[in-house]
N, C-alpha and C. Protein backbone atom coordinates (compact mmCIF):
# COMPACT_ATOMS: atom_id res chain seq x y z
N MET A 1 31.22 -24.31 13.70
CA MET A 1 31.03 -23.90 12.31
C MET A 1 29.67 -23.19 12.16
N LYS A 2 29.67 -22.12 11.42
CA LYS A 2 28.47 -21.32 11.24
C LYS A 2 27.43 -22.07 10.42
N LYS A 3 26.18 -22.07 10.90
CA LYS A 3 25.09 -22.74 10.19
C LYS A 3 24.49 -21.77 9.18
N HIS A 4 24.37 -22.25 7.94
CA HIS A 4 23.70 -21.48 6.89
C HIS A 4 22.39 -22.14 6.55
N TYR A 5 21.45 -21.35 6.03
CA TYR A 5 20.14 -21.88 5.66
C TYR A 5 20.11 -22.57 4.32
N TYR A 6 21.20 -22.49 3.57
CA TYR A 6 21.16 -23.00 2.20
C TYR A 6 21.91 -24.31 2.04
N THR A 7 22.11 -25.05 3.12
CA THR A 7 22.80 -26.35 3.00
C THR A 7 21.78 -27.47 2.82
N ASP A 8 22.19 -28.51 2.10
CA ASP A 8 21.41 -29.74 1.93
C ASP A 8 19.95 -29.47 1.50
N THR A 9 19.76 -28.68 0.49
CA THR A 9 18.39 -28.40 0.05
C THR A 9 18.09 -29.06 -1.29
N ASP A 10 16.94 -29.66 -1.41
CA ASP A 10 16.41 -30.15 -2.68
C ASP A 10 15.38 -29.13 -3.14
N ILE A 11 15.62 -28.49 -4.25
CA ILE A 11 14.72 -27.44 -4.69
C ILE A 11 13.50 -28.07 -5.37
N PRO A 12 12.30 -27.81 -4.84
CA PRO A 12 11.09 -28.46 -5.37
C PRO A 12 10.51 -27.73 -6.61
N PHE A 13 11.29 -27.73 -7.71
CA PHE A 13 10.92 -26.99 -8.92
C PHE A 13 9.55 -27.34 -9.44
N LYS A 14 9.15 -28.62 -9.34
CA LYS A 14 7.88 -29.06 -9.93
C LYS A 14 6.67 -28.75 -9.06
N ASN A 15 6.89 -28.31 -7.83
CA ASN A 15 5.81 -28.01 -6.92
C ASN A 15 5.16 -26.66 -7.30
N GLU A 16 3.83 -26.67 -7.50
CA GLU A 16 3.13 -25.44 -7.94
C GLU A 16 3.22 -24.32 -6.93
N ASN A 17 3.13 -24.64 -5.66
CA ASN A 17 3.22 -23.61 -4.63
C ASN A 17 4.62 -22.97 -4.62
N PHE A 18 5.65 -23.80 -4.79
CA PHE A 18 7.00 -23.27 -4.86
C PHE A 18 7.14 -22.35 -6.06
N GLN A 19 6.60 -22.74 -7.19
CA GLN A 19 6.67 -21.90 -8.41
C GLN A 19 5.98 -20.56 -8.17
N LYS A 20 4.83 -20.59 -7.52
CA LYS A 20 4.10 -19.36 -7.24
C LYS A 20 4.90 -18.44 -6.31
N ILE A 21 5.48 -19.04 -5.27
CA ILE A 21 6.28 -18.27 -4.29
C ILE A 21 7.51 -17.69 -4.95
N LEU A 22 8.22 -18.51 -5.72
CA LEU A 22 9.44 -18.07 -6.39
C LEU A 22 9.12 -16.95 -7.39
N THR A 23 8.07 -17.11 -8.17
CA THR A 23 7.68 -16.11 -9.17
C THR A 23 7.38 -14.76 -8.52
N PHE A 24 6.60 -14.78 -7.42
CA PHE A 24 6.23 -13.53 -6.77
C PHE A 24 7.42 -12.87 -6.07
N TYR A 25 8.09 -13.58 -5.20
CA TYR A 25 9.13 -12.97 -4.36
C TYR A 25 10.42 -12.69 -5.09
N LEU A 26 10.71 -13.44 -6.17
CA LEU A 26 11.96 -13.20 -6.90
C LEU A 26 11.71 -12.50 -8.24
N PHE A 27 11.05 -13.17 -9.17
CA PHE A 27 10.92 -12.60 -10.51
C PHE A 27 10.00 -11.37 -10.57
N ASN A 28 8.91 -11.39 -9.79
CA ASN A 28 7.98 -10.25 -9.78
C ASN A 28 8.07 -9.48 -8.47
N SER A 29 9.25 -9.39 -7.92
CA SER A 29 9.43 -8.75 -6.62
C SER A 29 8.80 -7.34 -6.58
N PRO A 30 7.93 -7.09 -5.60
CA PRO A 30 7.30 -5.76 -5.50
C PRO A 30 8.16 -4.75 -4.77
N CYS A 31 9.37 -5.13 -4.41
CA CYS A 31 10.21 -4.27 -3.58
C CYS A 31 10.69 -3.04 -4.36
N GLU A 32 10.90 -1.99 -3.60
CA GLU A 32 11.41 -0.74 -4.18
C GLU A 32 12.26 0.00 -3.15
N ILE A 33 13.21 0.74 -3.64
CA ILE A 33 14.09 1.52 -2.80
C ILE A 33 13.65 2.97 -2.89
N SER A 34 13.43 3.61 -1.71
CA SER A 34 12.98 5.00 -1.73
C SER A 34 14.17 5.95 -1.65
N LYS A 35 14.08 7.02 -2.40
CA LYS A 35 15.14 8.04 -2.41
C LYS A 35 14.49 9.39 -2.22
N GLY A 36 15.26 10.33 -1.67
CA GLY A 36 14.78 11.70 -1.50
C GLY A 36 14.14 11.93 -0.14
N THR A 37 13.59 13.12 0.02
CA THR A 37 12.98 13.51 1.30
C THR A 37 11.53 13.05 1.38
N LYS A 38 10.93 13.21 2.55
CA LYS A 38 9.53 12.79 2.73
C LYS A 38 8.61 13.59 1.79
N GLU A 39 8.93 14.84 1.58
CA GLU A 39 8.11 15.68 0.70
C GLU A 39 8.33 15.38 -0.77
N ASN A 40 9.54 14.90 -1.10
CA ASN A 40 9.90 14.69 -2.51
C ASN A 40 10.51 13.29 -2.67
N LYS A 41 9.70 12.26 -2.39
CA LYS A 41 10.21 10.89 -2.40
C LYS A 41 9.95 10.23 -3.75
N THR A 42 10.96 9.52 -4.23
CA THR A 42 10.80 8.71 -5.45
C THR A 42 11.11 7.26 -5.09
N TYR A 43 10.52 6.35 -5.86
CA TYR A 43 10.70 4.93 -5.61
C TYR A 43 11.34 4.27 -6.84
N ILE A 44 12.39 3.49 -6.58
CA ILE A 44 13.08 2.78 -7.64
C ILE A 44 12.78 1.28 -7.46
N PRO A 45 12.09 0.67 -8.43
CA PRO A 45 11.75 -0.76 -8.27
C PRO A 45 13.00 -1.64 -8.34
N VAL A 46 12.99 -2.71 -7.56
CA VAL A 46 14.09 -3.70 -7.58
C VAL A 46 13.97 -4.56 -8.83
N SER A 47 12.73 -4.86 -9.22
CA SER A 47 12.45 -5.66 -10.42
C SER A 47 11.79 -4.74 -11.44
N LYS A 48 11.78 -5.16 -12.69
CA LYS A 48 11.17 -4.34 -13.75
C LYS A 48 9.65 -4.50 -13.83
N VAL A 49 9.07 -5.36 -13.00
CA VAL A 49 7.61 -5.51 -13.02
C VAL A 49 6.94 -4.25 -12.47
N ASP A 50 5.69 -4.07 -12.81
CA ASP A 50 5.01 -2.81 -12.48
C ASP A 50 4.24 -2.83 -11.15
N LYS A 51 4.16 -3.95 -10.49
CA LYS A 51 3.38 -4.03 -9.25
C LYS A 51 4.28 -3.85 -8.03
N THR A 52 4.62 -2.63 -7.71
CA THR A 52 5.46 -2.35 -6.53
C THR A 52 4.57 -2.02 -5.33
N PHE A 53 5.19 -1.90 -4.19
CA PHE A 53 4.46 -1.54 -2.97
C PHE A 53 3.67 -0.25 -3.17
N SER A 54 4.33 0.80 -3.64
CA SER A 54 3.65 2.10 -3.75
C SER A 54 2.56 2.08 -4.80
N LYS A 55 2.80 1.39 -5.93
CA LYS A 55 1.79 1.33 -6.99
C LYS A 55 0.58 0.50 -6.58
N GLN A 56 0.79 -0.43 -5.64
CA GLN A 56 -0.32 -1.25 -5.16
C GLN A 56 -1.10 -0.56 -4.03
N GLY A 57 -0.59 0.56 -3.56
CA GLY A 57 -1.28 1.32 -2.52
C GLY A 57 -0.69 1.15 -1.14
N TRP A 58 0.41 0.43 -1.03
CA TRP A 58 1.03 0.21 0.29
C TRP A 58 2.02 1.34 0.55
N THR A 59 1.52 2.42 1.08
CA THR A 59 2.35 3.57 1.43
C THR A 59 1.91 4.09 2.81
N ASP A 60 2.80 4.86 3.43
CA ASP A 60 2.51 5.57 4.68
C ASP A 60 1.86 4.63 5.72
N THR A 61 0.67 5.03 6.22
CA THR A 61 0.04 4.26 7.31
C THR A 61 -0.41 2.87 6.86
N ASN A 62 -0.65 2.70 5.55
CA ASN A 62 -1.04 1.37 5.06
C ASN A 62 0.04 0.34 5.34
N LEU A 63 1.32 0.77 5.36
CA LEU A 63 2.42 -0.16 5.57
C LEU A 63 2.39 -0.75 6.98
N SER A 64 2.01 0.04 7.97
CA SER A 64 1.85 -0.50 9.33
C SER A 64 0.74 -1.51 9.36
N THR A 65 -0.32 -1.24 8.61
CA THR A 65 -1.44 -2.18 8.51
C THR A 65 -0.97 -3.48 7.87
N LEU A 66 -0.14 -3.37 6.84
CA LEU A 66 0.35 -4.57 6.16
C LEU A 66 1.16 -5.45 7.09
N ILE A 67 2.09 -4.85 7.86
CA ILE A 67 2.91 -5.62 8.81
C ILE A 67 1.99 -6.33 9.83
N ALA A 68 1.00 -5.62 10.37
CA ALA A 68 0.08 -6.22 11.35
C ALA A 68 -0.69 -7.38 10.71
N LYS A 69 -1.13 -7.17 9.49
CA LYS A 69 -1.88 -8.21 8.77
C LYS A 69 -0.97 -9.43 8.50
N MET A 70 0.27 -9.20 8.11
CA MET A 70 1.23 -10.29 7.85
C MET A 70 1.46 -11.09 9.12
N LYS A 71 1.63 -10.42 10.25
CA LYS A 71 1.86 -11.11 11.53
C LYS A 71 0.65 -11.97 11.92
N SER A 72 -0.54 -11.44 11.67
CA SER A 72 -1.76 -12.12 12.06
C SER A 72 -2.01 -13.41 11.25
N MET A 73 -1.35 -13.52 10.12
CA MET A 73 -1.55 -14.68 9.25
C MET A 73 -0.73 -15.90 9.67
N SER A 74 0.06 -15.73 10.70
CA SER A 74 0.88 -16.82 11.21
C SER A 74 0.40 -17.17 12.62
N ASN A 75 0.42 -18.45 12.96
CA ASN A 75 0.02 -18.86 14.33
C ASN A 75 1.04 -18.40 15.36
N HIS A 76 2.31 -18.41 14.96
CA HIS A 76 3.37 -18.02 15.90
C HIS A 76 4.54 -17.48 15.09
N LEU A 77 4.63 -16.15 15.02
CA LEU A 77 5.72 -15.51 14.28
C LEU A 77 6.51 -14.62 15.22
N GLU A 78 7.77 -14.95 15.41
CA GLU A 78 8.69 -14.12 16.18
C GLU A 78 9.31 -13.13 15.21
N TYR A 79 9.17 -11.86 15.52
CA TYR A 79 9.59 -10.81 14.58
C TYR A 79 10.57 -9.87 15.28
N TYR A 80 11.80 -9.83 14.76
CA TYR A 80 12.87 -9.02 15.39
C TYR A 80 13.48 -8.07 14.36
N PRO A 81 12.91 -6.89 14.16
CA PRO A 81 13.59 -5.88 13.31
C PRO A 81 14.65 -5.19 14.18
N ILE A 82 15.91 -5.25 13.78
CA ILE A 82 17.00 -4.73 14.61
C ILE A 82 17.84 -3.71 13.81
N SER A 83 18.63 -2.95 14.53
CA SER A 83 19.51 -1.97 13.87
C SER A 83 20.75 -2.67 13.33
N SER A 84 21.44 -1.99 12.45
CA SER A 84 22.58 -2.60 11.75
C SER A 84 23.78 -2.90 12.67
N ASN A 85 23.81 -2.29 13.85
CA ASN A 85 24.94 -2.57 14.76
C ASN A 85 24.69 -3.77 15.66
N GLN A 86 23.52 -4.41 15.52
CA GLN A 86 23.20 -5.62 16.30
C GLN A 86 23.49 -6.84 15.45
N SER A 87 23.84 -7.94 16.13
CA SER A 87 24.17 -9.19 15.42
C SER A 87 22.95 -10.11 15.32
N ILE A 88 22.64 -10.49 14.10
CA ILE A 88 21.53 -11.41 13.86
C ILE A 88 21.84 -12.79 14.44
N ASN A 89 23.08 -13.23 14.27
CA ASN A 89 23.47 -14.54 14.79
C ASN A 89 23.36 -14.60 16.33
N ALA A 90 23.68 -13.50 16.99
CA ALA A 90 23.57 -13.45 18.46
C ALA A 90 22.12 -13.58 18.90
N ILE A 91 21.21 -12.93 18.19
CA ILE A 91 19.79 -13.00 18.53
C ILE A 91 19.27 -14.40 18.24
N GLU A 92 19.69 -14.97 17.12
CA GLU A 92 19.21 -16.31 16.73
C GLU A 92 19.61 -17.36 17.77
N LYS A 93 20.78 -17.21 18.41
CA LYS A 93 21.21 -18.16 19.43
C LYS A 93 20.23 -18.26 20.59
N ASN A 94 19.51 -17.18 20.85
CA ASN A 94 18.54 -17.14 21.97
C ASN A 94 17.17 -17.66 21.58
N ILE A 95 17.04 -18.11 20.34
CA ILE A 95 15.73 -18.58 19.86
C ILE A 95 15.80 -20.08 19.60
N SER A 96 14.78 -20.79 20.05
CA SER A 96 14.72 -22.23 19.77
C SER A 96 14.10 -22.44 18.41
N LEU A 97 14.82 -23.16 17.55
CA LEU A 97 14.31 -23.41 16.20
C LEU A 97 13.86 -24.89 16.04
N SER A 98 13.70 -25.60 17.15
CA SER A 98 13.35 -27.02 17.07
C SER A 98 11.90 -27.24 16.69
N ASP A 99 11.01 -26.31 17.00
CA ASP A 99 9.59 -26.48 16.66
C ASP A 99 9.35 -26.03 15.22
N PRO A 100 8.92 -26.96 14.33
CA PRO A 100 8.70 -26.59 12.91
C PRO A 100 7.56 -25.63 12.69
N ASN A 101 6.66 -25.49 13.69
CA ASN A 101 5.56 -24.52 13.54
C ASN A 101 5.96 -23.11 13.94
N PHE A 102 7.17 -22.94 14.38
CA PHE A 102 7.68 -21.68 14.87
C PHE A 102 8.28 -20.89 13.71
N GLU A 103 7.72 -19.75 13.41
CA GLU A 103 8.20 -18.93 12.29
C GLU A 103 8.94 -17.71 12.87
N MET A 104 9.94 -17.25 12.16
CA MET A 104 10.71 -16.12 12.66
C MET A 104 11.27 -15.25 11.56
N ILE A 105 11.42 -13.98 11.91
CA ILE A 105 12.11 -13.01 11.03
C ILE A 105 13.04 -12.23 11.94
N ILE A 106 14.33 -12.34 11.65
CA ILE A 106 15.34 -11.49 12.30
C ILE A 106 15.97 -10.71 11.14
N MET A 107 15.89 -9.40 11.18
CA MET A 107 16.41 -8.63 10.04
C MET A 107 16.89 -7.25 10.46
N HIS A 108 17.88 -6.78 9.73
CA HIS A 108 18.32 -5.42 9.90
C HIS A 108 17.32 -4.51 9.18
N THR A 109 16.87 -3.48 9.85
CA THR A 109 15.97 -2.52 9.20
C THR A 109 16.77 -1.68 8.21
N ARG A 110 16.07 -1.11 7.26
CA ARG A 110 16.71 -0.30 6.22
C ARG A 110 16.07 1.09 6.22
N SER A 111 16.89 2.10 6.03
CA SER A 111 16.36 3.47 5.99
C SER A 111 15.67 3.75 4.67
N ASP A 112 15.97 2.96 3.64
CA ASP A 112 15.42 3.20 2.31
C ASP A 112 14.25 2.28 1.95
N MET A 113 13.75 1.53 2.94
CA MET A 113 12.61 0.65 2.70
C MET A 113 11.76 0.56 3.95
N SER A 114 10.47 0.35 3.75
CA SER A 114 9.60 0.05 4.88
C SER A 114 9.97 -1.33 5.42
N LYS A 115 9.50 -1.65 6.62
CA LYS A 115 9.82 -2.96 7.21
C LYS A 115 9.18 -4.08 6.38
N ALA A 116 7.95 -3.87 5.91
CA ALA A 116 7.29 -4.89 5.08
C ALA A 116 8.06 -5.12 3.80
N CYS A 117 8.48 -4.04 3.16
CA CYS A 117 9.25 -4.14 1.91
C CYS A 117 10.58 -4.86 2.17
N ALA A 118 11.22 -4.55 3.29
CA ALA A 118 12.52 -5.16 3.62
C ALA A 118 12.38 -6.68 3.80
N ILE A 119 11.28 -7.13 4.42
CA ILE A 119 11.06 -8.56 4.56
C ILE A 119 11.00 -9.22 3.20
N PHE A 120 10.20 -8.67 2.30
CA PHE A 120 10.08 -9.22 0.94
C PHE A 120 11.41 -9.16 0.22
N TYR A 121 12.18 -8.08 0.44
CA TYR A 121 13.47 -7.88 -0.20
C TYR A 121 14.48 -8.97 0.27
N TYR A 122 14.48 -9.25 1.56
CA TYR A 122 15.41 -10.27 2.09
C TYR A 122 15.00 -11.66 1.59
N ILE A 123 13.72 -11.93 1.43
CA ILE A 123 13.29 -13.20 0.86
C ILE A 123 13.75 -13.29 -0.60
N ARG A 124 13.59 -12.20 -1.32
CA ARG A 124 14.07 -12.13 -2.71
C ARG A 124 15.55 -12.42 -2.80
N ASN A 125 16.34 -11.80 -1.91
CA ASN A 125 17.78 -12.02 -1.90
C ASN A 125 18.14 -13.49 -1.62
N GLY A 126 17.41 -14.10 -0.70
CA GLY A 126 17.63 -15.52 -0.39
C GLY A 126 17.47 -16.37 -1.64
N PHE A 127 16.40 -16.12 -2.39
CA PHE A 127 16.17 -16.87 -3.64
C PHE A 127 17.24 -16.50 -4.67
N ALA A 128 17.50 -15.21 -4.87
CA ALA A 128 18.39 -14.74 -5.92
C ALA A 128 19.82 -15.26 -5.76
N HIS A 129 20.27 -15.39 -4.50
CA HIS A 129 21.64 -15.81 -4.24
C HIS A 129 21.76 -17.26 -3.80
N GLY A 130 20.66 -18.00 -3.90
CA GLY A 130 20.69 -19.42 -3.53
C GLY A 130 20.86 -19.65 -2.05
N SER A 131 20.50 -18.67 -1.24
CA SER A 131 20.64 -18.78 0.22
C SER A 131 19.28 -19.13 0.84
N PHE A 132 18.74 -20.26 0.42
CA PHE A 132 17.45 -20.69 0.96
C PHE A 132 17.41 -22.21 1.06
N ASN A 133 16.45 -22.69 1.83
CA ASN A 133 16.27 -24.10 2.06
C ASN A 133 14.78 -24.36 2.17
N VAL A 134 14.31 -25.44 1.58
CA VAL A 134 12.91 -25.82 1.69
C VAL A 134 12.83 -27.28 2.16
N LYS A 135 12.23 -27.47 3.33
CA LYS A 135 12.04 -28.83 3.86
C LYS A 135 10.70 -28.90 4.55
N ASN A 136 9.91 -29.90 4.15
CA ASN A 136 8.60 -30.14 4.79
C ASN A 136 7.74 -28.87 4.81
N ASN A 137 7.70 -28.15 3.67
CA ASN A 137 6.94 -26.92 3.51
C ASN A 137 7.36 -25.79 4.45
N ILE A 138 8.59 -25.86 4.94
CA ILE A 138 9.18 -24.77 5.73
C ILE A 138 10.29 -24.15 4.87
N TYR A 139 10.21 -22.85 4.69
CA TYR A 139 11.19 -22.11 3.88
C TYR A 139 12.11 -21.31 4.81
N CYS A 140 13.40 -21.48 4.62
CA CYS A 140 14.38 -20.71 5.38
C CYS A 140 15.20 -19.87 4.40
N PHE A 141 15.39 -18.61 4.74
CA PHE A 141 16.12 -17.68 3.88
C PHE A 141 17.23 -16.99 4.68
N GLU A 142 18.32 -16.70 4.01
CA GLU A 142 19.39 -15.90 4.62
C GLU A 142 19.84 -14.87 3.60
N SER A 143 20.03 -13.64 4.05
CA SER A 143 20.52 -12.59 3.18
C SER A 143 21.74 -11.97 3.83
N SER A 144 22.85 -11.94 3.07
CA SER A 144 24.11 -11.40 3.60
C SER A 144 24.73 -10.43 2.61
N LYS A 145 25.53 -9.55 3.13
CA LYS A 145 26.28 -8.63 2.27
C LYS A 145 27.65 -8.39 2.89
N ASN A 146 28.69 -8.54 2.09
CA ASN A 146 30.08 -8.36 2.56
C ASN A 146 30.38 -9.18 3.84
N GLY A 147 29.85 -10.40 3.86
CA GLY A 147 30.12 -11.29 4.99
C GLY A 147 29.28 -11.03 6.22
N ILE A 148 28.38 -10.04 6.15
CA ILE A 148 27.53 -9.70 7.30
C ILE A 148 26.11 -10.21 7.02
N THR A 149 25.56 -11.00 7.94
CA THR A 149 24.21 -11.49 7.77
C THR A 149 23.23 -10.34 8.04
N LYS A 150 22.39 -10.08 7.06
CA LYS A 150 21.40 -8.99 7.15
C LYS A 150 20.02 -9.49 7.58
N ALA A 151 19.75 -10.77 7.29
CA ALA A 151 18.42 -11.32 7.68
C ALA A 151 18.46 -12.83 7.71
N LYS A 152 17.71 -13.40 8.64
CA LYS A 152 17.39 -14.82 8.67
C LYS A 152 15.88 -14.94 8.86
N ILE A 153 15.29 -15.70 7.97
CA ILE A 153 13.82 -15.80 7.97
C ILE A 153 13.42 -17.26 7.83
N ARG A 154 12.44 -17.65 8.64
CA ARG A 154 11.89 -19.02 8.56
C ARG A 154 10.38 -18.93 8.55
N LEU A 155 9.76 -19.37 7.46
CA LEU A 155 8.31 -19.23 7.29
C LEU A 155 7.72 -20.50 6.69
N LYS A 156 6.46 -20.74 7.03
CA LYS A 156 5.73 -21.85 6.41
C LYS A 156 5.34 -21.45 4.99
N GLU A 157 5.20 -22.47 4.16
CA GLU A 157 4.75 -22.24 2.78
C GLU A 157 3.41 -21.52 2.77
N GLU A 158 2.48 -21.96 3.65
CA GLU A 158 1.16 -21.34 3.65
C GLU A 158 1.21 -19.87 4.03
N THR A 159 2.14 -19.48 4.89
CA THR A 159 2.29 -18.05 5.25
C THR A 159 2.77 -17.24 4.06
N LEU A 160 3.76 -17.76 3.33
CA LEU A 160 4.26 -17.07 2.13
C LEU A 160 3.16 -16.89 1.10
N LEU A 161 2.32 -17.91 0.94
CA LEU A 161 1.21 -17.81 -0.01
C LEU A 161 0.15 -16.81 0.43
N LYS A 162 -0.14 -16.79 1.73
CA LYS A 162 -1.12 -15.84 2.27
C LYS A 162 -0.63 -14.40 2.07
N TRP A 163 0.67 -14.18 2.25
CA TRP A 163 1.23 -12.84 2.09
C TRP A 163 1.09 -12.35 0.65
N ILE A 164 1.19 -13.25 -0.31
CA ILE A 164 1.01 -12.87 -1.72
C ILE A 164 -0.41 -12.35 -1.92
N ASP A 165 -1.39 -13.12 -1.44
CA ASP A 165 -2.80 -12.71 -1.56
C ASP A 165 -3.03 -11.38 -0.84
N CYS A 166 -2.48 -11.25 0.34
CA CYS A 166 -2.63 -10.04 1.15
C CYS A 166 -2.08 -8.83 0.40
N PHE A 167 -0.92 -8.99 -0.22
CA PHE A 167 -0.31 -7.88 -0.96
C PHE A 167 -1.25 -7.36 -2.06
N TYR A 168 -1.92 -8.27 -2.77
CA TYR A 168 -2.78 -7.86 -3.89
C TYR A 168 -4.18 -7.45 -3.48
N GLU A 169 -4.71 -7.99 -2.39
CA GLU A 169 -6.12 -7.77 -2.06
C GLU A 169 -6.37 -6.67 -1.06
N PHE A 170 -5.62 -6.59 0.00
CA PHE A 170 -6.00 -5.73 1.12
C PHE A 170 -6.07 -4.24 0.78
N PRO A 171 -5.10 -3.65 0.07
CA PRO A 171 -5.21 -2.21 -0.19
C PRO A 171 -6.40 -1.87 -1.08
N LYS A 172 -6.80 -2.81 -1.95
CA LYS A 172 -7.96 -2.57 -2.80
C LYS A 172 -9.19 -2.38 -1.97
N LYS A 173 -9.34 -3.23 -0.92
CA LYS A 173 -10.48 -3.10 -0.02
C LYS A 173 -10.47 -1.75 0.68
N ARG A 174 -9.28 -1.35 1.14
CA ARG A 174 -9.14 -0.06 1.81
C ARG A 174 -9.50 1.07 0.84
N LYS A 175 -9.02 0.97 -0.41
CA LYS A 175 -9.30 1.99 -1.41
C LYS A 175 -10.81 2.08 -1.68
N SER A 176 -11.43 0.91 -1.82
CA SER A 176 -12.84 0.90 -2.17
C SER A 176 -13.70 1.49 -1.05
N LYS A 177 -13.36 1.24 0.21
CA LYS A 177 -14.10 1.80 1.32
C LYS A 177 -13.95 3.32 1.36
N SER A 178 -12.71 3.81 1.15
CA SER A 178 -12.51 5.26 1.17
C SER A 178 -13.19 5.91 -0.03
N TYR A 179 -13.18 5.21 -1.16
CA TYR A 179 -13.86 5.72 -2.35
C TYR A 179 -15.36 5.85 -2.11
N GLU A 180 -15.92 4.82 -1.49
CA GLU A 180 -17.36 4.86 -1.16
C GLU A 180 -17.66 5.99 -0.21
N LYS A 181 -16.82 6.20 0.80
CA LYS A 181 -17.01 7.27 1.77
C LYS A 181 -17.01 8.65 1.10
N LYS A 182 -16.02 8.85 0.18
CA LYS A 182 -15.93 10.12 -0.57
C LYS A 182 -17.17 10.33 -1.42
N ASN A 183 -17.64 9.25 -2.06
CA ASN A 183 -18.85 9.36 -2.90
C ASN A 183 -20.08 9.72 -2.07
N LYS A 184 -20.19 9.17 -0.85
CA LYS A 184 -21.32 9.51 0.03
C LYS A 184 -21.30 10.98 0.40
N ILE A 185 -20.10 11.49 0.69
CA ILE A 185 -19.96 12.91 1.05
C ILE A 185 -20.34 13.80 -0.15
N LYS A 186 -19.85 13.42 -1.33
CA LYS A 186 -20.20 14.20 -2.54
C LYS A 186 -21.71 14.19 -2.79
N LYS A 187 -22.30 13.02 -2.63
CA LYS A 187 -23.76 12.86 -2.83
C LYS A 187 -24.52 13.73 -1.84
N SER A 188 -24.10 13.74 -0.58
CA SER A 188 -24.75 14.54 0.45
C SER A 188 -24.67 16.02 0.10
N LYS A 189 -23.48 16.46 -0.37
CA LYS A 189 -23.31 17.87 -0.73
C LYS A 189 -24.21 18.25 -1.90
N LYS A 190 -24.33 17.36 -2.89
CA LYS A 190 -25.21 17.65 -4.04
C LYS A 190 -26.65 17.76 -3.62
N GLU A 191 -27.05 16.86 -2.70
CA GLU A 191 -28.44 16.90 -2.21
C GLU A 191 -28.70 18.20 -1.44
N LEU A 192 -27.73 18.68 -0.66
CA LEU A 192 -27.86 19.95 0.08
C LEU A 192 -27.98 21.12 -0.89
N VAL A 193 -27.17 21.09 -1.93
CA VAL A 193 -27.20 22.17 -2.92
C VAL A 193 -28.53 22.16 -3.67
N ALA A 194 -29.04 20.99 -3.97
CA ALA A 194 -30.29 20.87 -4.72
C ALA A 194 -31.51 21.35 -3.93
N THR A 195 -31.44 21.32 -2.58
CA THR A 195 -32.61 21.69 -1.77
C THR A 195 -32.62 23.14 -1.46
């Protein structure tokens, strides 16, 4: 019998960390679907909230930085982004899930989303469709469409919380450094012109 992540779960509604995680990943989901060409790209938000990946500054090369940062926040994260013709269940069979400290993401990549956005999107789907389980601060999510499993994710509560902070803080730091660099260049040019 196929194992699902949403069996035998007690939803910890009163837990503050659970409320924060649920609010961010489901109700305030920053995910967006990109349409159009690279030169003429538009983003359609999954949720009606205004803090999407692109509006927060997570675009282009910043997205690679975000994935690296997300991985570094876990002690042991197995990450398997795969194509749609590969089976998630087949890959999962080769992974030992007995260690509770072991975190994993197995997901089909999407042509209309960055890998970071797709991870958040699959977590959102797990919550939205009741395909999740929370036990001992370990969150398991499953996202399926038309009977095909698109993602299986297992993360610690602390990792999910760190990713929320990372989403809001890191691009601001990058923006401020580049802003300071531009201001130094402008100041140098003004000083050259003045002399």
